[in-house]
């Protein structure tokens, strides 16, 4: 897995987005999380097209912490099958990436 990732999920409301973002950072599963929204969402679900408003949560983490972050998001999320996607960071400033590594290192 990649050394550094941007991981995203969407939620139905600001409260669940804030809760998932803050708890993931507090557990050092992500170095940072941003909440944006509401955003308009258009999707195919249960055999038909739909639309609604969602809140986007973007996490910065490491490949080593991805599995734990995904487990956390799924456990805390109000939906049964939430989006959890990750994109590899191919580049970043050395100082930022070192901070990301340090911020996601579990405390002993």
PDB file of N, CA and C in Angstrom:
ATOM      1  N   UNK A   1       0.836  -1.179   0.000  1.00  0.00           N
ATOM      2  CA  UNK A   1       0.000   0.000   0.000  1.00  0.00           C
ATOM      3  C   UNK A   1       0.883   1.246   0.000  1.00  0.00           C
ATOM      4  N   UNK A   2       0.328   2.327  -0.462  1.00  0.00           N
ATOM      5  CA  UNK A   2       1.048   3.600  -0.547  1.00  0.00           C
ATOM      6  C   UNK A   2       1.449   4.086   0.834  1.00  0.00           C
ATOM      7  N   UNK A   3       2.492   4.897   0.862  1.00  0.00           N
ATOM      8  CA  UNK A   3       2.942   5.466   2.133  1.00  0.00           C
ATOM      9  C   UNK A   3       1.974   6.502   2.685  1.00  0.00           C
ATOM     10  N   UNK A   4       1.379   7.324   1.799  1.00  0.00           N
ATOM     11  CA  UNK A   4       0.492   8.411   2.226  1.00  0.00           C
ATOM     12  C   UNK A   4      -0.765   8.409   1.372  1.00  0.00           C
ATOM     13  N   UNK A   5      -1.900   8.668   2.021  1.00  0.00           N
ATOM     14  CA  UNK A   5      -3.193   8.575   1.344  1.00  0.00           C
ATOM     15  C   UNK A   5      -4.095   9.749   1.696  1.00  0.00           C
ATOM     16  N   UNK A   6      -4.984  10.079   0.759  1.00  0.00           N
ATOM     17  CA  UNK A   6      -6.156  10.900   1.032  1.00  0.00           C
ATOM     18  C   UNK A   6      -7.324   9.924   1.030  1.00  0.00           C
ATOM     19  N   UNK A   7      -8.060   9.873   2.115  1.00  0.00           N
ATOM     20  CA  UNK A   7      -9.196   8.956   2.260  1.00  0.00           C
ATOM     21  C   UNK A   7     -10.455   9.800   2.391  1.00  0.00           C
ATOM     22  N   UNK A   8     -11.522   9.372   1.710  1.00  0.00           N
ATOM     23  CA  UNK A   8     -12.759  10.141   1.738  1.00  0.00           C
ATOM     24  C   UNK A   8     -13.946   9.276   2.096  1.00  0.00           C
ATOM     25  N   UNK A   9     -14.919   9.938   2.726  1.00  0.00           N
ATOM     26  CA  UNK A   9     -16.232   9.361   2.946  1.00  0.00           C
ATOM     27  C   UNK A   9     -17.242  10.489   2.836  1.00  0.00           C
ATOM     28  N   UNK A  10     -18.502  10.141   2.711  1.00  0.00           N
ATOM     29  CA  UNK A  10     -19.581  11.119   2.749  1.00  0.00           C
ATOM     30  C   UNK A  10     -20.563  10.698   3.827  1.00  0.00           C
ATOM     31  N   UNK A  11     -21.246  11.680   4.400  1.00  0.00           N
ATOM     32  CA  UNK A  11     -22.226  11.413   5.449  1.00  0.00           C
ATOM     33  C   UNK A  11     -23.515  12.170   5.142  1.00  0.00           C
ATOM     34  N   UNK A  12     -24.605  11.792   5.791  1.00  0.00           N
ATOM     35  CA  UNK A  12     -25.875  12.460   5.509  1.00  0.00           C
ATOM     36  C   UNK A  12     -26.039  13.811   6.212  1.00  0.00           C
ATOM     37  N   UNK A  13     -25.179  14.101   7.196  1.00  0.00           N
ATOM     38  CA  UNK A  13     -25.358  15.340   7.961  1.00  0.00           C
ATOM     39  C   UNK A  13     -24.032  15.804   8.553  1.00  0.00           C
ATOM     40  N   UNK A  14     -24.008  17.056   8.974  1.00  0.00           N
ATOM     41  CA  UNK A  14     -22.794  17.672   9.522  1.00  0.00           C
ATOM     42  C   UNK A  14     -22.371  16.991  10.827  1.00  0.00           C
ATOM     43  N   UNK A  15     -23.330  16.634  11.661  1.00  0.00           N
ATOM     44  CA  UNK A  15     -23.008  16.045  12.957  1.00  0.00           C
ATOM     45  C   UNK A  15     -22.236  14.737  12.823  1.00  0.00           C
ATOM     46  N   UNK A  16     -22.679  13.854  11.942  1.00  0.00           N
ATOM     47  CA  UNK A  16     -21.956  12.583  11.792  1.00  0.00           C
ATOM     48  C   UNK A  16     -20.597  12.818  11.125  1.00  0.00           C
ATOM     49  N   UNK A  17     -20.502  13.757  10.206  1.00  0.00           N
ATOM     50  CA  UNK A  17     -19.214  14.080   9.590  1.00  0.00           C
ATOM     51  C   UNK A  17     -18.237  14.585  10.640  1.00  0.00           C
ATOM     52  N   UNK A  18     -18.684  15.519  11.491  1.00  0.00           N
ATOM     53  CA  UNK A  18     -17.826  16.062  12.546  1.00  0.00           C
ATOM     54  C   UNK A  18     -17.388  14.973  13.525  1.00  0.00           C
ATOM     55  N   UNK A  19     -18.309  14.099  13.891  1.00  0.00           N
ATOM     56  CA  UNK A  19     -18.005  13.041  14.863  1.00  0.00           C
ATOM     57  C   UNK A  19     -16.957  12.071  14.317  1.00  0.00           C
ATOM     58  N   UNK A  20     -17.135  11.649  13.076  1.00  0.00           N
ATOM     59  CA  UNK A  20     -16.190  10.702  12.472  1.00  0.00           C
ATOM     60  C   UNK A  20     -14.826  11.361  12.282  1.00  0.00           C
ATOM     61  N   UNK A  21     -14.815  12.610  11.821  1.00  0.00           N
ATOM     62  CA  UNK A  21     -13.556  13.321  11.590  1.00  0.00           C
ATOM     63  C   UNK A  21     -12.792  13.519  12.896  1.00  0.00           C
ATOM     64  N   UNK A  22     -13.452  14.042  13.898  1.00  0.00           N
ATOM     65  CA  UNK A  22     -12.746  14.355  15.145  1.00  0.00           C
ATOM     66  C   UNK A  22     -12.296  13.096  15.877  1.00  0.00           C
ATOM     67  N   UNK A  23     -13.101  12.049  15.856  1.00  0.00           N
ATOM     68  CA  UNK A  23     -12.700  10.824  16.558  1.00  0.00           C
ATOM     69  C   UNK A  23     -11.557  10.111  15.846  1.00  0.00           C
ATOM     70  N   UNK A  24     -11.516  10.166  14.529  1.00  0.00           N
ATOM     71  CA  UNK A  24     -10.401   9.546  13.788  1.00  0.00           C
ATOM     72  C   UNK A  24      -9.086  10.256  14.085  1.00  0.00           C
ATOM     73  N   UNK A  25      -9.120  11.586  14.133  1.00  0.00           N
ATOM     74  CA  UNK A  25      -7.904  12.347  14.439  1.00  0.00           C
ATOM     75  C   UNK A  25      -7.494  12.111  15.894  1.00  0.00           C
ATOM     76  N   UNK A  26      -8.462  12.100  16.808  1.00  0.00           N
ATOM     77  CA  UNK A  26      -8.149  11.869  18.227  1.00  0.00           C
ATOM     78  C   UNK A  26      -7.489  10.509  18.441  1.00  0.00           C
ATOM     79  N   UNK A  27      -7.857   9.513  17.628  1.00  0.00           N
ATOM     80  CA  UNK A  27      -7.267   8.172  17.739  1.00  0.00           C
ATOM     81  C   UNK A  27      -5.992   8.031  16.903  1.00  0.00           C
ATOM     82  N   UNK A  28      -5.576   9.116  16.262  1.00  0.00           N
ATOM     83  CA  UNK A  28      -4.364   9.164  15.431  1.00  0.00           C
ATOM     84  C   UNK A  28      -4.450   8.226  14.224  1.00  0.00           C
ATOM     85  N   UNK A  29      -5.672   7.988  13.766  1.00  0.00           N
ATOM     86  CA  UNK A  29      -5.883   7.214  12.547  1.00  0.00           C
ATOM     87  C   UNK A  29      -5.662   8.082  11.320  1.00  0.00           C
ATOM     88  N   UNK A  30      -5.781   9.380  11.500  1.00  0.00           N
ATOM     89  CA  UNK A  30      -5.512  10.369  10.451  1.00  0.00           C
ATOM     90  C   UNK A  30      -4.822  11.553  11.105  1.00  0.00           C
ATOM     91  N   UNK A  31      -3.964  12.207  10.340  1.00  0.00           N
ATOM     92  CA  UNK A  31      -3.275  13.385  10.863  1.00  0.00           C
ATOM     93  C   UNK A  31      -4.197  14.594  10.865  1.00  0.00           C
ATOM     94  N   UNK A  32      -5.114  14.622   9.922  1.00  0.00           N
ATOM     95  CA  UNK A  32      -6.046  15.733   9.781  1.00  0.00           C
ATOM     96  C   UNK A  32      -7.288  15.243   9.058  1.00  0.00           C
ATOM     97  N   UNK A  33      -8.373  15.959   9.244  1.00  0.00           N
ATOM     98  CA  UNK A  33      -9.614  15.667   8.527  1.00  0.00           C
ATOM     99  C   UNK A  33     -10.328  16.990   8.265  1.00  0.00           C
ATOM    100  N   UNK A  34     -10.843  17.135   7.082  1.00  0.00           N
ATOM    101  CA  UNK A  34     -11.626  18.311   6.730  1.00  0.00           C
ATOM    102  C   UNK A  34     -13.045  17.890   6.402  1.00  0.00           C
ATOM    103  N   UNK A  35     -14.002  18.718   6.820  1.00  0.00           N
ATOM    104  CA  UNK A  35     -15.415  18.480   6.554  1.00  0.00           C
ATOM    105  C   UNK A  35     -15.907  19.591   5.627  1.00  0.00           C
ATOM    106  N   UNK A  36     -16.525  19.210   4.518  1.00  0.00           N
ATOM    107  CA  UNK A  36     -17.077  20.165   3.568  1.00  0.00           C
ATOM    108  C   UNK A  36     -18.523  19.811   3.271  1.00  0.00           C
ATOM    109  N   UNK A  37     -19.317  20.840   3.066  1.00  0.00           N
ATOM    110  CA  UNK A  37     -20.686  20.561   2.655  1.00  0.00           C
ATOM    111  C   UNK A  37     -21.630  21.675   3.048  1.00  0.00           C
ATOM    112  N   UNK A  38     -22.858  21.478   2.749  1.00  0.00           N
ATOM    113  CA  UNK A  38     -23.357  20.302   2.028  1.00  0.00           C
ATOM    114  C   UNK A  38     -22.999  20.371   0.547  1.00  0.00           C
ATOM    115  N   UNK A  39     -22.911  19.209  -0.051  1.00  0.00           N
ATOM    116  CA  UNK A  39     -22.681  19.086  -1.482  1.00  0.00           C
ATOM    117  C   UNK A  39     -23.869  18.346  -2.090  1.00  0.00           C
ATOM    118  N   UNK A  40     -24.178  18.687  -3.327  1.00  0.00           N
ATOM    119  CA  UNK A  40     -25.238  17.969  -4.035  1.00  0.00           C
ATOM    120  C   UNK A  40     -24.679  16.634  -4.490  1.00  0.00           C
ATOM    121  N   UNK A  41     -25.435  15.571  -4.293  1.00  0.00           N
ATOM    122  CA  UNK A  41     -24.994  14.234  -4.667  1.00  0.00           C
ATOM    123  C   UNK A  41     -26.044  13.590  -5.562  1.00  0.00           C
ATOM    124  N   UNK A  42     -25.580  12.975  -6.644  1.00  0.00           N
ATOM    125  CA  UNK A  42     -26.440  12.259  -7.578  1.00  0.00           C
ATOM    126  C   UNK A  42     -25.896  10.843  -7.675  1.00  0.00           C
ATOM    127  N   UNK A  43     -26.757   9.847  -7.561  1.00  0.00           N
ATOM    128  CA  UNK A  43     -26.275   8.474  -7.436  1.00  0.00           C
ATOM    129  C   UNK A  43     -27.294   7.482  -7.950  1.00  0.00           C
ATOM    130  N   UNK A  44     -26.828   6.251  -8.139  1.00  0.00           N
ATOM    131  CA  UNK A  44     -27.675   5.106  -8.476  1.00  0.00           C
ATOM    132  C   UNK A  44     -27.711   4.209  -7.250  1.00  0.00           C
ATOM    133  N   UNK A  45     -28.894   3.914  -6.728  1.00  0.00           N
ATOM    134  CA  UNK A  45     -29.006   3.111  -5.507  1.00  0.00           C
ATOM    135  C   UNK A  45     -30.354   2.409  -5.486  1.00  0.00           C
ATOM    136  N   UNK A  46     -30.326   1.134  -5.115  1.00  0.00           N
ATOM    137  CA  UNK A  46     -31.537   0.318  -5.006  1.00  0.00           C
ATOM    138  C   UNK A  46     -32.366   0.338  -6.292  1.00  0.00           C
ATOM    139  N   UNK A  47     -31.657   0.282  -7.428  1.00  0.00           N
ATOM    140  CA  UNK A  47     -32.335   0.167  -8.705  1.00  0.00           C
ATOM    141  C   UNK A  47     -32.876   1.452  -9.290  1.00  0.00           C
ATOM    142  N   UNK A  48     -32.530   2.600  -8.717  1.00  0.00           N
ATOM    143  CA  UNK A  48     -33.022   3.849  -9.291  1.00  0.00           C
ATOM    144  C   UNK A  48     -32.057   5.000  -9.025  1.00  0.00           C
ATOM    145  N   UNK A  49     -32.191   6.030  -9.829  1.00  0.00           N
ATOM    146  CA  UNK A  49     -31.386   7.233  -9.656  1.00  0.00           C
ATOM    147  C   UNK A  49     -31.933   8.023  -8.463  1.00  0.00           C
ATOM    148  N   UNK A  50     -31.011   8.648  -7.748  1.00  0.00           N
ATOM    149  CA  UNK A  50     -31.414   9.474  -6.609  1.00  0.00           C
ATOM    150  C   UNK A  50     -30.553  10.706  -6.515  1.00  0.00           C
ATOM    151  N   UNK A  51     -30.949  11.583  -5.615  1.00  0.00           N
ATOM    152  CA  UNK A  51     -30.152  12.772  -5.351  1.00  0.00           C
ATOM    153  C   UNK A  51     -30.387  13.191  -3.915  1.00  0.00           C
ATOM    154  N   UNK A  52     -29.424  13.928  -3.378  1.00  0.00           N
ATOM    155  CA  UNK A  52     -29.550  14.398  -2.011  1.00  0.00           C
ATOM    156  C   UNK A  52     -28.383  15.285  -1.644  1.00  0.00           C
ATOM    157  N   UNK A  53     -28.345  15.680  -0.389  1.00  0.00           N
ATOM    158  CA  UNK A  53     -27.227  16.456   0.130  1.00  0.00           C
ATOM    159  C   UNK A  53     -26.382  15.579   1.027  1.00  0.00           C
ATOM    160  N   UNK A  54     -25.071  15.747   0.906  1.00  0.00           N
ATOM    161  CA  UNK A  54     -24.130  14.990   1.729  1.00  0.00           C
ATOM    162  C   UNK A  54     -23.039  15.929   2.219  1.00  0.00           C
ATOM    163  N   UNK A  55     -22.311  15.461   3.212  1.00  0.00           N
ATOM    164  CA  UNK A  55     -21.129  16.144   3.743  1.00  0.00           C
ATOM    165  C   UNK A  55     -19.929  15.271   3.432  1.00  0.00           C
ATOM    166  N   UNK A  56     -18.864  15.868   2.936  1.00  0.00           N
ATOM    167  CA  UNK A  56     -17.658  15.153   2.537  1.00  0.00           C
ATOM    168  C   UNK A  56     -16.620  15.279   3.643  1.00  0.00           C
ATOM    169  N   UNK A  57     -16.046  14.150   4.048  1.00  0.00           N
ATOM    170  CA  UNK A  57     -14.962  14.146   5.023  1.00  0.00           C
ATOM    171  C   UNK A  57     -13.716  13.622   4.311  1.00  0.00           C
ATOM    172  N   UNK A  58     -12.647  14.413   4.352  1.00  0.00           N
ATOM    173  CA  UNK A  58     -11.379  14.060   3.722  1.00  0.00           C
ATOM    174  C   UNK A  58     -10.324  13.912   4.807  1.00  0.00           C
ATOM    175  N   UNK A  59      -9.697  12.765   4.848  1.00  0.00           N
ATOM    176  CA  UNK A  59      -8.657  12.456   5.838  1.00  0.00           C
ATOM    177  C   UNK A  59      -7.309  12.378   5.149  1.00  0.00           C
ATOM    178  N   UNK A  60      -6.232  12.748   5.837  1.00  0.00           N
ATOM    179  CA  UNK A  60      -4.868  12.487   5.372  1.00  0.00           C
ATOM    180  C   UNK A  60      -4.278  11.469   6.341  1.00  0.00           C
ATOM    181  N   UNK A  61      -3.774  10.370   5.799  1.00  0.00           N
ATOM    182  CA  UNK A  61      -3.262   9.298   6.649  1.00  0.00           C
ATOM    183  C   UNK A  61      -2.125   8.572   5.943  1.00  0.00           C
ATOM    184  N   UNK A  62      -1.658   7.523   6.575  1.00  0.00           N
ATOM    185  CA  UNK A  62      -0.596   6.697   5.996  1.00  0.00           C
ATOM    186  C   UNK A  62      -1.174   5.346   5.586  1.00  0.00           C
ATOM    187  N   UNK A  63      -0.438   4.677   4.707  1.00  0.00           N
ATOM    188  CA  UNK A  63      -0.847   3.337   4.310  1.00  0.00           C
ATOM    189  C   UNK A  63      -0.920   2.387   5.492  1.00  0.00           C
ATOM    190  N   UNK A  64      -0.028   2.581   6.449  1.00  0.00           N
ATOM    191  CA  UNK A  64      -0.008   1.722   7.640  1.00  0.00           C
ATOM    192  C   UNK A  64      -1.262   1.899   8.497  1.00  0.00           C
ATOM    193  N   UNK A  65      -1.907   3.060   8.442  1.00  0.00           N
ATOM    194  CA  UNK A  65      -3.088   3.333   9.276  1.00  0.00           C
ATOM    195  C   UNK A  65      -4.406   3.159   8.525  1.00  0.00           C
ATOM    196  N   UNK A  66      -4.327   2.871   7.197  1.00  0.00           N
ATOM    197  CA  UNK A  66      -5.549   2.810   6.403  1.00  0.00           C
ATOM    198  C   UNK A  66      -6.561   1.789   6.929  1.00  0.00           C
ATOM    199  N   UNK A  67      -6.146   0.568   7.174  1.00  0.00           N
ATOM    200  CA  UNK A  67      -7.105  -0.465   7.593  1.00  0.00           C
ATOM    201  C   UNK A  67      -7.827  -0.067   8.878  1.00  0.00           C
ATOM    202  N   UNK A  68      -7.088   0.474   9.840  1.00  0.00           N
ATOM    203  CA  UNK A  68      -7.720   0.910  11.088  1.00  0.00           C
ATOM    204  C   UNK A  68      -8.656   2.091  10.859  1.00  0.00           C
ATOM    205  N   UNK A  69      -8.275   3.007   9.978  1.00  0.00           N
ATOM    206  CA  UNK A  69      -9.148   4.144   9.666  1.00  0.00           C
ATOM    207  C   UNK A  69     -10.424   3.668   8.984  1.00  0.00           C
ATOM    208  N   UNK A  70     -10.301   2.773   8.015  1.00  0.00           N
ATOM    209  CA  UNK A  70     -11.501   2.247   7.347  1.00  0.00           C
ATOM    210  C   UNK A  70     -12.424   1.557   8.345  1.00  0.00           C
ATOM    211  N   UNK A  71     -11.864   0.745   9.219  1.00  0.00           N
ATOM    212  CA  UNK A  71     -12.672   0.064  10.237  1.00  0.00           C
ATOM    213  C   UNK A  71     -13.391   1.077  11.114  1.00  0.00           C
ATOM    214  N   UNK A  72     -12.697   2.127  11.511  1.00  0.00           N
ATOM    215  CA  UNK A  72     -13.286   3.174  12.351  1.00  0.00           C
ATOM    216  C   UNK A  72     -14.428   3.892  11.624  1.00  0.00           C
ATOM    217  N   UNK A  73     -14.189   4.290  10.382  1.00  0.00           N
ATOM    218  CA  UNK A  73     -15.230   4.984   9.615  1.00  0.00           C
ATOM    219  C   UNK A  73     -16.466   4.110   9.508  1.00  0.00           C
ATOM    220  N   UNK A  74     -16.280   2.846   9.149  1.00  0.00           N
ATOM    221  CA  UNK A  74     -17.425   1.943   8.981  1.00  0.00           C
ATOM    222  C   UNK A  74     -18.173   1.728  10.297  1.00  0.00           C
ATOM    223  N   UNK A  75     -17.458   1.651  11.413  1.00  0.00           N
ATOM    224  CA  UNK A  75     -18.092   1.435  12.714  1.00  0.00           C
ATOM    225  C   UNK A  75     -18.872   2.664  13.179  1.00  0.00           C
ATOM    226  N   UNK A  76     -18.372   3.850  12.854  1.00  0.00           N
ATOM    227  CA  UNK A  76     -18.986   5.091  13.330  1.00  0.00           C
ATOM    228  C   UNK A  76     -20.028   5.667  12.371  1.00  0.00           C
ATOM    229  N   UNK A  77     -20.078   5.145  11.166  1.00  0.00           N
ATOM    230  CA  UNK A  77     -20.916   5.727  10.111  1.00  0.00           C
ATOM    231  C   UNK A  77     -22.376   5.322  10.273  1.00  0.00           C
ATOM    232  N   UNK A  78     -23.313   6.235   9.999  1.00  0.00           N
ATOM    233  CA  UNK A  78     -24.727   5.881  10.107  1.00  0.00           C
ATOM    234  C   UNK A  78     -25.249   5.005   8.970  1.00  0.00           C
ATOM    235  N   UNK A  79     -24.519   4.906   7.865  1.00  0.00           N
ATOM    236  CA  UNK A  79     -24.963   4.075   6.749  1.00  0.00           C
ATOM    237  C   UNK A  79     -24.361   2.684   6.832  1.00  0.00           C
ATOM    238  N   UNK A  80     -25.092   1.689   6.300  1.00  0.00           N
ATOM    239  CA  UNK A  80     -24.617   0.302   6.308  1.00  0.00           C
ATOM    240  C   UNK A  80     -23.413   0.080   5.383  1.00  0.00           C
ATOM    241  N   UNK A  81     -23.394   0.756   4.245  1.00  0.00           N
ATOM    242  CA  UNK A  81     -22.325   0.571   3.248  1.00  0.00           C
ATOM    243  C   UNK A  81     -21.767   1.932   2.847  1.00  0.00           C
ATOM    244  N   UNK A  82     -21.058   2.598   3.756  1.00  0.00           N
ATOM    245  CA  UNK A  82     -20.565   3.934   3.421  1.00  0.00           C
ATOM    246  C   UNK A  82     -19.429   3.891   2.400  1.00  0.00           C
ATOM    247  N   UNK A  83     -19.306   4.980   1.680  1.00  0.00           N
ATOM    248  CA  UNK A  83     -18.141   5.166   0.820  1.00  0.00           C
ATOM    249  C   UNK A  83     -16.908   5.290   1.704  1.00  0.00           C
ATOM    250  N   UNK A  84     -15.887   4.519   1.405  1.00  0.00           N
ATOM    251  CA  UNK A  84     -14.557   4.707   1.983  1.00  0.00           C
ATOM    252  C   UNK A  84     -13.594   4.477   0.829  1.00  0.00           C
ATOM    253  N   UNK A  85     -13.007   5.563   0.324  1.00  0.00           N
ATOM    254  CA  UNK A  85     -12.103   5.472  -0.810  1.00  0.00           C
ATOM    255  C   UNK A  85     -10.777   6.123  -0.455  1.00  0.00           C
ATOM    256  N   UNK A  86      -9.723   5.633  -1.040  1.00  0.00           N
ATOM    257  CA  UNK A  86      -8.398   6.183  -0.787  1.00  0.00           C
ATOM    258  C   UNK A  86      -7.663   6.471  -2.081  1.00  0.00           C
ATOM    259  N   UNK A  87      -6.955   7.575  -2.081  1.00  0.00           N
ATOM    260  CA  UNK A  87      -6.153   7.981  -3.228  1.00  0.00           C
ATOM    261  C   UNK A  87      -4.713   8.129  -2.758  1.00  0.00           C
ATOM    262  N   UNK A  88      -3.801   7.525  -3.494  1.00  0.00           N
ATOM    263  CA  UNK A  88      -2.375   7.622  -3.171  1.00  0.00           C
ATOM    264  C   UNK A  88      -1.862   9.033  -3.380  1.00  0.00           C
ATOM    265  N   UNK A  89      -1.101   9.518  -2.426  1.00  0.00           N
ATOM    266  CA  UNK A  89      -0.378  10.776  -2.612  1.00  0.00           C
ATOM    267  C   UNK A  89       0.964  10.428  -3.254  1.00  0.00           C
ATOM    268  N   UNK A  90       1.167  10.848  -4.471  1.00  0.00           N
ATOM    269  CA  UNK A  90       2.420  10.526  -5.137  1.00  0.00           C
ATOM    270  C   UNK A  90       3.508  11.541  -4.821  1.00  0.00           C
ATOM    271  N   UNK A  91       3.106  12.729  -4.380  1.00  0.00           N
ATOM    272  CA  UNK A  91       4.080  13.767  -4.045  1.00  0.00           C
ATOM    273  C   UNK A  91       3.530  14.611  -2.904  1.00  0.00           C
ATOM    274  N   UNK A  92       4.449  15.263  -2.207  1.00  0.00           N
ATOM    275  CA  UNK A  92       4.087  16.192  -1.139  1.00  0.00           C
ATOM    276  C   UNK A  92       5.357  16.780  -0.563  1.00  0.00           C
ATOM    277  N   UNK A  93       5.216  17.921   0.075  1.00  0.00           N
ATOM    278  CA  UNK A  93       6.413  18.519   0.660  1.00  0.00           C
ATOM    279  C   UNK A  93       6.956  17.597   1.738  1.00  0.00           C
ATOM    280  N   UNK A  94       8.263  17.519   1.827  1.00  0.00           N
ATOM    281  CA  UNK A  94       8.906  16.601   2.773  1.00  0.00           C
ATOM    282  C   UNK A  94       8.490  16.905   4.208  1.00  0.00           C
ATOM    283  N   UNK A  95       8.419  18.177   4.571  1.00  0.00           N
ATOM    284  CA  UNK A  95       8.023  18.542   5.929  1.00  0.00           C
ATOM    285  C   UNK A  95       6.605  18.094   6.239  1.00  0.00           C
ATOM    286  N   UNK A  96       5.687  18.286   5.295  1.00  0.00           N
ATOM    287  CA  UNK A  96       4.298  17.886   5.507  1.00  0.00           C
ATOM    288  C   UNK A  96       4.187  16.369   5.659  1.00  0.00           C
ATOM    289  N   UNK A  97       4.853  15.635   4.800  1.00  0.00           N
ATOM    290  CA  UNK A  97       4.764  14.175   4.865  1.00  0.00           C
ATOM    291  C   UNK A  97       5.398  13.628   6.142  1.00  0.00           C
ATOM    292  N   UNK A  98       6.468  14.252   6.615  1.00  0.00           N
ATOM    293  CA  UNK A  98       7.049  13.834   7.907  1.00  0.00           C
ATOM    294  C   UNK A  98       6.049  14.096   9.033  1.00  0.00           C
ATOM    295  N   UNK A  99       5.387  15.253   9.002  1.00  0.00           N
ATOM    296  CA  UNK A  99       4.369  15.565  10.012  1.00  0.00           C
ATOM    297  C   UNK A  99       3.234  14.539   9.962  1.00  0.00           C
ATOM    298  N   UNK A 100       2.800  14.195   8.754  1.00  0.00           N
ATOM    299  CA  UNK A 100       1.728  13.209   8.595  1.00  0.00           C
ATOM    300  C   UNK A 100       2.137  11.880   9.228  1.00  0.00           C
ATOM    301  N   UNK A 101       3.369  11.454   8.987  1.00  0.00           N
ATOM    302  CA  UNK A 101       3.866  10.213   9.592  1.00  0.00           C
ATOM    303  C   UNK A 101       3.855  10.294  11.119  1.00  0.00           C
ATOM    304  N   UNK A 102       4.361  11.395  11.651  1.00  0.00           N
ATOM    305  CA  UNK A 102       4.439  11.561  13.105  1.00  0.00           C
ATOM    306  C   UNK A 102       3.046  11.625  13.727  1.00  0.00           C
ATOM    307  N   UNK A 103       2.144  12.368  13.106  1.00  0.00           N
ATOM    308  CA  UNK A 103       0.799  12.569  13.658  1.00  0.00           C
ATOM    309  C   UNK A 103      -0.046  11.304  13.657  1.00  0.00           C
ATOM    310  N   UNK A 104       0.314  10.334  12.831  1.00  0.00           N
ATOM    311  CA  UNK A 104      -0.455   9.090  12.786  1.00  0.00           C
ATOM    312  C   UNK A 104       0.234   7.915  13.466  1.00  0.00           C
ATOM    313  N   UNK A 105       1.347   8.191  14.103  1.00  0.00           N
ATOM    314  CA  UNK A 105       2.044   7.134  14.829  1.00  0.00           C
ATOM    315  C   UNK A 105       1.334   6.895  16.158  1.00  0.00           C
ATOM    316  N   UNK A 106       0.858   5.673  16.397  1.00  0.00           N
ATOM    317  CA  UNK A 106       0.145   5.401  17.656  1.00  0.00           C
ATOM    318  C   UNK A 106       1.050   5.656  18.867  1.00  0.00           C
ATOM    319  N   UNK A 107       0.452   6.182  19.904  1.00  0.00           N
ATOM    320  CA  UNK A 107       1.202   6.354  21.152  1.00  0.00           C
ATOM    321  C   UNK A 107       1.310   5.012  21.851  1.00  0.00           C
ATOM    322  N   UNK A 108       2.398   4.773  22.490  1.00  0.00           N
ATOM    323  CA  UNK A 108       2.586   3.492  23.210  1.00  0.00           C
ATOM    324  C   UNK A 108       2.163   3.628  24.652  1.00  0.00           C
TER     325      UNK A 108
END
